Amino acid sequence: MLRRKALTVAGLVATIAMSISSPNIAAAQPINGIGSALQSTETFSDSYGVVQDAGFALPAIPIQRVKPEFRRQIVSYESSERPGTIIVNTRERHLYYILSDGKAVRYGIGVGKQGFAWSGTAYVAWKQEWPTWHPPKEMAVRRPDVAKYVEGGMGPGLSNPLGARAMYLFNDKGQDTLFRLHGTPEWASIGTAASSGCIRLMNQDVIDLYNRVRPGRTTSKVIVIQ
């Protein structure tokens, strides 16, 4: 009798433990092709020093002042999307570059502030090192101080809002969405909603992402979710 009661109690404990843990397991499963990051396998906290690039000296980022979750790292990430796909999760403030074998490179990002957010599917049509910045006319209306750059543009430099690299997003019809994946000299804005809609990364991170991306409709799918 005592043995039977002991077995019954053990069974109840096991059942309760399974009921508690099951929701966490379910939450980790991919939903509509969008994966869930499970754990970090490698963090690149030592990759944010001074970078000499095309005649410019990118300053070091005080990475200890950036939350660990926004530093570049390899994470376990199950997704039905093919390697090379970029998934931007604006709610998490994370960008995932899909690798093979259920992994992804995860970067911290800054996203569009309220009223400037965008979501959908696009692709990287082309990319540029040390791009020229042409603010849209709508921005010039809000900020007269940038109006002089609408036509001629702001040349490459450490203070250029597009940073060291830019990747230009086009829709399935081949039209420019006017949204970009780009660097930023404002490293402290990573993890916040501060941009005019584009997705910004720390300069050291955007260089890493740029080197991985192969522009093209079939090679650089970008999914932005809100």
C-alpha atoms as a PDB file:
ATOM      1  CA  MET A   1       0.000   0.000   0.000  1.00  0.00           C
ATOM      2  CA  LEU A   2       2.762   2.450   0.952  1.00  0.00           C
ATOM      3  CA  ARG A   3       4.619   1.611  -2.252  1.00  0.00           C
ATOM      4  CA  ARG A   4       1.493   2.272  -4.322  1.00  0.00           C
ATOM      5  CA  LYS A   5       0.940   5.668  -2.636  1.00  0.00           C
ATOM      6  CA  ALA A   6       4.560   6.598  -3.229  1.00  0.00           C
ATOM      7  CA  LEU A   7       4.247   5.801  -6.898  1.00  0.00           C
ATOM      8  CA  THR A   8       1.036   7.844  -7.115  1.00  0.00           C
ATOM      9  CA  VAL A   9       2.683  10.899  -5.515  1.00  0.00           C
ATOM     10  CA  ALA A  10       5.692  10.575  -7.829  1.00  0.00           C
ATOM     11  CA  GLY A  11       3.369  10.473 -10.811  1.00  0.00           C
ATOM     12  CA  LEU A  12       1.569  13.634  -9.687  1.00  0.00           C
ATOM     13  CA  VAL A  13       4.859  15.456  -9.228  1.00  0.00           C
ATOM     14  CA  ALA A  14       5.999  14.445 -12.718  1.00  0.00           C
ATOM     15  CA  THR A  15       2.682  15.553 -14.222  1.00  0.00           C
ATOM     16  CA  ILE A  16       2.881  18.948 -12.522  1.00  0.00           C
ATOM     17  CA  ALA A  17       6.476  19.413 -13.685  1.00  0.00           C
ATOM     18  CA  MET A  18       5.499  18.612 -17.269  1.00  0.00           C
ATOM     19  CA  SER A  19       2.556  21.018 -17.179  1.00  0.00           C
ATOM     20  CA  ILE A  20       4.843  23.807 -15.954  1.00  0.00           C
ATOM     21  CA  SER A  21       7.593  23.209 -18.499  1.00  0.00           C
ATOM     22  CA  SER A  22       5.437  22.485 -21.554  1.00  0.00           C
ATOM     23  CA  PRO A  23       4.452  26.124 -22.313  1.00  0.00           C
ATOM     24  CA  ASN A  24       8.141  27.079 -22.497  1.00  0.00           C
ATOM     25  CA  ILE A  25       8.825  24.289 -24.969  1.00  0.00           C
ATOM     26  CA  ALA A  26       5.889  25.316 -27.138  1.00  0.00           C
ATOM     27  CA  ALA A  27       6.967  28.977 -27.134  1.00  0.00           C
ATOM     28  CA  ALA A  28      10.308  28.015 -28.641  1.00  0.00           C
ATOM     29  CA  GLN A  29       8.792  26.553 -31.781  1.00  0.00           C
ATOM     30  CA  PRO A  30       8.831  28.535 -35.076  1.00  0.00           C
ATOM     31  CA  ILE A  31       5.608  30.360 -35.951  1.00  0.00           C
ATOM     32  CA  ASN A  32       4.858  31.146 -39.612  1.00  0.00           C
ATOM     33  CA  GLY A  33       8.497  30.718 -40.550  1.00  0.00           C
ATOM     34  CA  ILE A  34       9.729  33.132 -37.886  1.00  0.00           C
ATOM     35  CA  GLY A  35      11.993  31.331 -35.460  1.00  0.00           C
ATOM     36  CA  SER A  36      12.651  31.835 -31.785  1.00  0.00           C
ATOM     37  CA  ALA A  37      16.125  32.336 -30.371  1.00  0.00           C
ATOM     38  CA  LEU A  38      16.813  29.714 -27.726  1.00  0.00           C
ATOM     39  CA  GLN A  39      20.318  30.354 -26.444  1.00  0.00           C
ATOM     40  CA  SER A  40      23.526  32.118 -27.324  1.00  0.00           C
ATOM     41  CA  THR A  41      26.456  29.951 -28.338  1.00  0.00           C
ATOM     42  CA  GLU A  42      29.031  32.688 -28.992  1.00  0.00           C
ATOM     43  CA  THR A  43      29.181  36.422 -28.222  1.00  0.00           C
ATOM     44  CA  PHE A  44      31.514  38.851 -29.994  1.00  0.00           C
ATOM     45  CA  SER A  45      31.982  41.442 -27.258  1.00  0.00           C
ATOM     46  CA  ASP A  46      35.617  41.893 -28.304  1.00  0.00           C
ATOM     47  CA  SER A  47      34.682  43.007 -31.838  1.00  0.00           C
ATOM     48  CA  TYR A  48      33.881  46.640 -31.117  1.00  0.00           C
ATOM     49  CA  GLY A  49      37.311  48.242 -31.036  1.00  0.00           C
ATOM     50  CA  VAL A  50      38.711  50.904 -33.383  1.00  0.00           C
ATOM     51  CA  VAL A  51      38.298  49.912 -37.041  1.00  0.00           C
ATOM     52  CA  GLN A  52      40.369  51.355 -39.896  1.00  0.00           C
ATOM     53  CA  ASP A  53      38.145  51.241 -42.960  1.00  0.00           C
ATOM     54  CA  ALA A  54      38.470  52.985 -46.337  1.00  0.00           C
ATOM     55  CA  GLY A  55      40.499  55.818 -44.833  1.00  0.00           C
ATOM     56  CA  PHE A  56      38.153  56.318 -41.885  1.00  0.00           C
ATOM     57  CA  ALA A  57      38.902  55.389 -38.286  1.00  0.00           C
ATOM     58  CA  LEU A  58      35.690  54.155 -36.695  1.00  0.00           C
ATOM     59  CA  PRO A  59      35.907  54.846 -32.964  1.00  0.00           C
ATOM     60  CA  ALA A  60      35.663  52.036 -30.459  1.00  0.00           C
ATOM     61  CA  ILE A  61      32.272  51.430 -28.901  1.00  0.00           C
ATOM     62  CA  PRO A  62      32.178  51.210 -25.090  1.00  0.00           C
ATOM     63  CA  ILE A  63      30.516  47.837 -25.401  1.00  0.00           C
ATOM     64  CA  GLN A  64      30.188  47.325 -21.658  1.00  0.00           C
ATOM     65  CA  ARG A  65      27.619  50.126 -21.761  1.00  0.00           C
ATOM     66  CA  VAL A  66      25.554  48.179 -24.302  1.00  0.00           C
ATOM     67  CA  LYS A  67      23.217  45.554 -22.880  1.00  0.00           C
ATOM     68  CA  PRO A  68      24.528  42.020 -23.545  1.00  0.00           C
ATOM     69  CA  GLU A  69      21.373  41.119 -25.482  1.00  0.00           C
ATOM     70  CA  PHE A  70      22.229  43.769 -28.104  1.00  0.00           C
ATOM     71  CA  ARG A  71      25.800  42.620 -28.737  1.00  0.00           C
ATOM     72  CA  ARG A  72      26.516  40.511 -31.813  1.00  0.00           C
ATOM     73  CA  GLN A  73      26.241  36.794 -31.093  1.00  0.00           C
ATOM     74  CA  ILE A  74      25.504  33.394 -32.591  1.00  0.00           C
ATOM     75  CA  VAL A  75      22.233  31.961 -31.316  1.00  0.00           C
ATOM     76  CA  SER A  76      20.257  28.780 -31.787  1.00  0.00           C
ATOM     77  CA  TYR A  77      17.395  29.767 -34.082  1.00  0.00           C
ATOM     78  CA  GLU A  78      15.024  27.373 -35.803  1.00  0.00           C
ATOM     79  CA  SER A  79      13.315  28.785 -38.874  1.00  0.00           C
ATOM     80  CA  SER A  80      11.829  27.495 -42.112  1.00  0.00           C
ATOM     81  CA  GLU A  81      13.540  30.336 -43.990  1.00  0.00           C
ATOM     82  CA  ARG A  82      16.634  29.542 -46.032  1.00  0.00           C
ATOM     83  CA  PRO A  83      20.159  30.564 -44.937  1.00  0.00           C
ATOM     84  CA  GLY A  84      20.920  34.130 -45.986  1.00  0.00           C
ATOM     85  CA  THR A  85      17.467  35.382 -45.013  1.00  0.00           C
ATOM     86  CA  ILE A  86      17.332  38.416 -42.721  1.00  0.00           C
ATOM     87  CA  ILE A  87      14.573  38.547 -40.117  1.00  0.00           C
ATOM     88  CA  VAL A  88      14.064  41.848 -38.302  1.00  0.00           C
ATOM     89  CA  ASN A  89      12.079  41.586 -35.089  1.00  0.00           C
ATOM     90  CA  THR A  90      11.348  45.183 -34.180  1.00  0.00           C
ATOM     91  CA  ARG A  91       9.661  44.269 -30.900  1.00  0.00           C
ATOM     92  CA  GLU A  92      12.796  42.501 -29.674  1.00  0.00           C
ATOM     93  CA  ARG A  93      15.121  45.104 -31.264  1.00  0.00           C
ATOM     94  CA  HIS A  94      16.981  42.226 -32.903  1.00  0.00           C
ATOM     95  CA  LEU A  95      18.041  41.387 -36.457  1.00  0.00           C
ATOM     96  CA  TYR A  96      18.736  37.740 -37.324  1.00  0.00           C
ATOM     97  CA  TYR A  97      20.872  36.604 -40.254  1.00  0.00           C
ATOM     98  CA  ILE A  98      19.934  32.968 -40.823  1.00  0.00           C
ATOM     99  CA  LEU A  99      22.785  30.462 -40.921  1.00  0.00           C
ATOM    100  CA  SER A 100      22.577  26.725 -41.531  1.00  0.00           C
ATOM    101  CA  ASP A 101      22.089  24.038 -38.873  1.00  0.00           C
ATOM    102  CA  GLY A 102      19.474  25.933 -36.871  1.00  0.00           C
ATOM    103  CA  LYS A 103      21.626  28.948 -36.015  1.00  0.00           C
ATOM    104  CA  ALA A 104      21.653  32.664 -36.746  1.00  0.00           C
ATOM    105  CA  VAL A 105      23.801  35.711 -36.182  1.00  0.00           C
ATOM    106  CA  ARG A 106      21.840  38.081 -33.955  1.00  0.00           C
ATOM    107  CA  TYR A 107      22.500  41.821 -33.895  1.00  0.00           C
ATOM    108  CA  GLY A 108      21.043  44.557 -31.726  1.00  0.00           C
ATOM    109  CA  ILE A 109      19.210  47.235 -33.694  1.00  0.00           C
ATOM    110  CA  GLY A 110      17.508  50.594 -33.402  1.00  0.00           C
ATOM    111  CA  VAL A 111      14.073  50.827 -35.044  1.00  0.00           C
ATOM    112  CA  GLY A 112      11.581  53.414 -36.222  1.00  0.00           C
ATOM    113  CA  LYS A 113       9.889  55.571 -33.647  1.00  0.00           C
ATOM    114  CA  GLN A 114       6.104  55.675 -33.423  1.00  0.00           C
ATOM    115  CA  GLY A 115       4.548  56.688 -36.728  1.00  0.00           C
ATOM    116  CA  PHE A 116       7.589  55.644 -38.771  1.00  0.00           C
ATOM    117  CA  ALA A 117       7.475  51.868 -38.394  1.00  0.00           C
ATOM    118  CA  TRP A 118       7.302  49.565 -41.396  1.00  0.00           C
ATOM    119  CA  SER A 119       6.737  45.836 -41.761  1.00  0.00           C
ATOM    120  CA  GLY A 120       6.643  43.436 -44.661  1.00  0.00           C
ATOM    121  CA  THR A 121       8.876  41.427 -46.974  1.00  0.00           C
ATOM    122  CA  ALA A 122      11.607  42.892 -49.166  1.00  0.00           C
ATOM    123  CA  TYR A 123      15.074  42.083 -50.447  1.00  0.00           C
ATOM    124  CA  VAL A 124      18.449  43.798 -50.553  1.00  0.00           C
ATOM    125  CA  ALA A 125      18.675  45.148 -54.093  1.00  0.00           C
ATOM    126  CA  TRP A 126      22.096  46.693 -53.632  1.00  0.00           C
ATOM    127  CA  LYS A 127      24.511  47.730 -50.933  1.00  0.00           C
ATOM    128  CA  GLN A 128      27.110  50.463 -50.516  1.00  0.00           C
ATOM    129  CA  GLU A 129      30.176  51.153 -48.413  1.00  0.00           C
ATOM    130  CA  TRP A 130      30.325  54.594 -46.813  1.00  0.00           C
ATOM    131  CA  PRO A 131      27.114  55.759 -48.485  1.00  0.00           C
ATOM    132  CA  THR A 132      25.948  59.283 -49.240  1.00  0.00           C
ATOM    133  CA  TRP A 133      22.874  60.253 -47.252  1.00  0.00           C
ATOM    134  CA  HIS A 134      19.903  61.836 -49.032  1.00  0.00           C
ATOM    135  CA  PRO A 135      17.195  62.644 -46.474  1.00  0.00           C
ATOM    136  CA  PRO A 136      13.661  62.495 -47.887  1.00  0.00           C
ATOM    137  CA  LYS A 137      11.825  65.752 -48.496  1.00  0.00           C
ATOM    138  CA  GLU A 138       9.362  64.867 -45.745  1.00  0.00           C
ATOM    139  CA  MET A 139      12.205  64.850 -43.231  1.00  0.00           C
ATOM    140  CA  ALA A 140      13.426  68.223 -44.477  1.00  0.00           C
ATOM    141  CA  VAL A 141       9.992  69.650 -43.670  1.00  0.00           C
ATOM    142  CA  ARG A 142      10.271  68.388 -40.099  1.00  0.00           C
ATOM    143  CA  ARG A 143      13.948  69.281 -39.809  1.00  0.00           C
ATOM    144  CA  PRO A 144      14.965  72.322 -41.872  1.00  0.00           C
ATOM    145  CA  ASP A 145      18.589  71.768 -40.808  1.00  0.00           C
ATOM    146  CA  VAL A 146      18.860  68.775 -43.175  1.00  0.00           C
ATOM    147  CA  ALA A 147      17.118  70.401 -46.151  1.00  0.00           C
ATOM    148  CA  LYS A 148      20.468  71.236 -47.764  1.00  0.00           C
ATOM    149  CA  TYR A 149      21.214  67.503 -48.098  1.00  0.00           C
ATOM    150  CA  VAL A 150      18.039  66.527 -49.973  1.00  0.00           C
ATOM    151  CA  GLU A 151      19.502  67.176 -53.422  1.00  0.00           C
ATOM    152  CA  GLY A 152      23.269  67.034 -53.031  1.00  0.00           C
ATOM    153  CA  GLY A 153      23.365  64.599 -50.139  1.00  0.00           C
ATOM    154  CA  MET A 154      25.715  64.348 -47.183  1.00  0.00           C
ATOM    155  CA  GLY A 155      28.989  62.765 -48.162  1.00  0.00           C
ATOM    156  CA  PRO A 156      30.551  59.772 -46.414  1.00  0.00           C
ATOM    157  CA  GLY A 157      31.997  60.380 -42.980  1.00  0.00           C
ATOM    158  CA  LEU A 158      31.939  59.500 -39.318  1.00  0.00           C
ATOM    159  CA  SER A 159      28.931  61.739 -38.688  1.00  0.00           C
ATOM    160  CA  ASN A 160      26.887  60.507 -41.658  1.00  0.00           C
ATOM    161  CA  PRO A 161      23.576  59.067 -40.319  1.00  0.00           C
ATOM    162  CA  LEU A 162      23.916  55.973 -42.555  1.00  0.00           C
ATOM    163  CA  GLY A 163      27.226  55.072 -40.964  1.00  0.00           C
ATOM    164  CA  ALA A 164      29.798  52.824 -42.603  1.00  0.00           C
ATOM    165  CA  ARG A 165      27.452  50.687 -44.695  1.00  0.00           C
ATOM    166  CA  ALA A 166      23.939  50.742 -46.145  1.00  0.00           C
ATOM    167  CA  MET A 167      21.761  48.051 -47.699  1.00  0.00           C
ATOM    168  CA  TYR A 168      18.803  49.207 -49.785  1.00  0.00           C
ATOM    169  CA  LEU A 169      15.475  47.380 -49.508  1.00  0.00           C
ATOM    170  CA  PHE A 170      13.233  46.906 -52.533  1.00  0.00           C
ATOM    171  CA  ASN A 171       9.803  45.239 -52.693  1.00  0.00           C
ATOM    172  CA  ASP A 172       8.724  42.296 -54.842  1.00  0.00           C
ATOM    173  CA  LYS A 173       7.863  44.679 -57.697  1.00  0.00           C
ATOM    174  CA  GLY A 174      11.432  45.944 -57.777  1.00  0.00           C
ATOM    175  CA  GLN A 175      10.517  49.292 -56.246  1.00  0.00           C
ATOM    176  CA  ASP A 176      12.621  51.080 -53.656  1.00  0.00           C
ATOM    177  CA  THR A 177      10.864  50.929 -50.288  1.00  0.00           C
ATOM    178  CA  LEU A 178      13.014  53.874 -49.093  1.00  0.00           C
ATOM    179  CA  PHE A 179      13.916  51.770 -46.058  1.00  0.00           C
ATOM    180  CA  ARG A 180      17.499  50.766 -45.328  1.00  0.00           C
ATOM    181  CA  LEU A 181      19.600  48.537 -43.138  1.00  0.00           C
ATOM    182  CA  HIS A 182      22.469  50.807 -42.182  1.00  0.00           C
ATOM    183  CA  GLY A 183      25.102  51.722 -39.648  1.00  0.00           C
ATOM    184  CA  THR A 184      24.956  54.586 -37.206  1.00  0.00           C
ATOM    185  CA  PRO A 185      27.430  56.680 -35.247  1.00  0.00           C
ATOM    186  CA  GLU A 186      24.833  56.800 -32.442  1.00  0.00           C
ATOM    187  CA  TRP A 187      25.613  53.469 -30.785  1.00  0.00           C
ATOM    188  CA  ALA A 188      23.550  54.408 -27.700  1.00  0.00           C
ATOM    189  CA  SER A 189      20.373  54.350 -29.817  1.00  0.00           C
ATOM    190  CA  ILE A 190      20.639  50.583 -30.313  1.00  0.00           C
ATOM    191  CA  GLY A 191      17.783  48.880 -28.502  1.00  0.00           C
ATOM    192  CA  THR A 192      15.519  51.926 -28.825  1.00  0.00           C
ATOM    193  CA  ALA A 193      12.878  53.290 -31.199  1.00  0.00           C
ATOM    194  CA  ALA A 194      14.561  56.449 -32.397  1.00  0.00           C
ATOM    195  CA  SER A 195      15.001  56.310 -36.163  1.00  0.00           C
ATOM    196  CA  SER A 196      12.814  57.597 -38.982  1.00  0.00           C
ATOM    197  CA  GLY A 197      11.867  54.051 -39.901  1.00  0.00           C
ATOM    198  CA  CYS A 198      15.104  52.500 -41.114  1.00  0.00           C
ATOM    199  CA  ILE A 199      16.876  49.712 -39.237  1.00  0.00           C
ATOM    200  CA  ARG A 200      20.187  50.831 -37.725  1.00  0.00           C
ATOM    201  CA  LEU A 201      23.068  48.769 -36.362  1.00  0.00           C
ATOM    202  CA  MET A 202      26.310  49.675 -34.657  1.00  0.00           C
ATOM    203  CA  ASN A 203      28.938  50.385 -37.324  1.00  0.00           C
ATOM    204  CA  GLN A 204      31.065  47.371 -36.397  1.00  0.00           C
ATOM    205  CA  ASP A 205      27.964  45.182 -36.691  1.00  0.00           C
ATOM    206  CA  VAL A 206      26.737  46.599 -39.989  1.00  0.00           C
ATOM    207  CA  ILE A 207      30.158  45.904 -41.532  1.00  0.00           C
ATOM    208  CA  ASP A 208      29.871  42.278 -40.398  1.00  0.00           C
ATOM    209  CA  LEU A 209      26.328  41.961 -41.784  1.00  0.00           C
ATOM    210  CA  TYR A 210      27.300  43.720 -45.035  1.00  0.00           C
ATOM    211  CA  ASN A 211      30.043  41.176 -45.659  1.00  0.00           C
ATOM    212  CA  ARG A 212      27.536  38.326 -45.326  1.00  0.00           C
ATOM    213  CA  VAL A 213      24.751  39.715 -47.524  1.00  0.00           C
ATOM    214  CA  ARG A 214      24.578  38.866 -51.238  1.00  0.00           C
ATOM    215  CA  PRO A 215      22.179  41.342 -52.889  1.00  0.00           C
ATOM    216  CA  GLY A 216      19.453  39.883 -55.060  1.00  0.00           C
ATOM    217  CA  ARG A 217      15.776  38.971 -55.045  1.00  0.00           C
ATOM    218  CA  THR A 218      16.491  35.278 -54.346  1.00  0.00           C
ATOM    219  CA  THR A 219      19.575  35.619 -52.159  1.00  0.00           C
ATOM    220  CA  SER A 220      18.759  38.348 -49.634  1.00  0.00           C
ATOM    221  CA  LYS A 221      15.157  38.066 -48.479  1.00  0.00           C
ATOM    222  CA  VAL A 222      14.327  40.468 -45.652  1.00  0.00           C
ATOM    223  CA  ILE A 223      11.338  39.975 -43.346  1.00  0.00           C
ATOM    224  CA  VAL A 224      10.414  42.831 -41.009  1.00  0.00           C
ATOM    225  CA  ILE A 225       7.886  42.048 -38.290  1.00  0.00           C
ATOM    226  CA  GLN A 226       6.351  44.467 -35.821  1.00  0.00           C
END
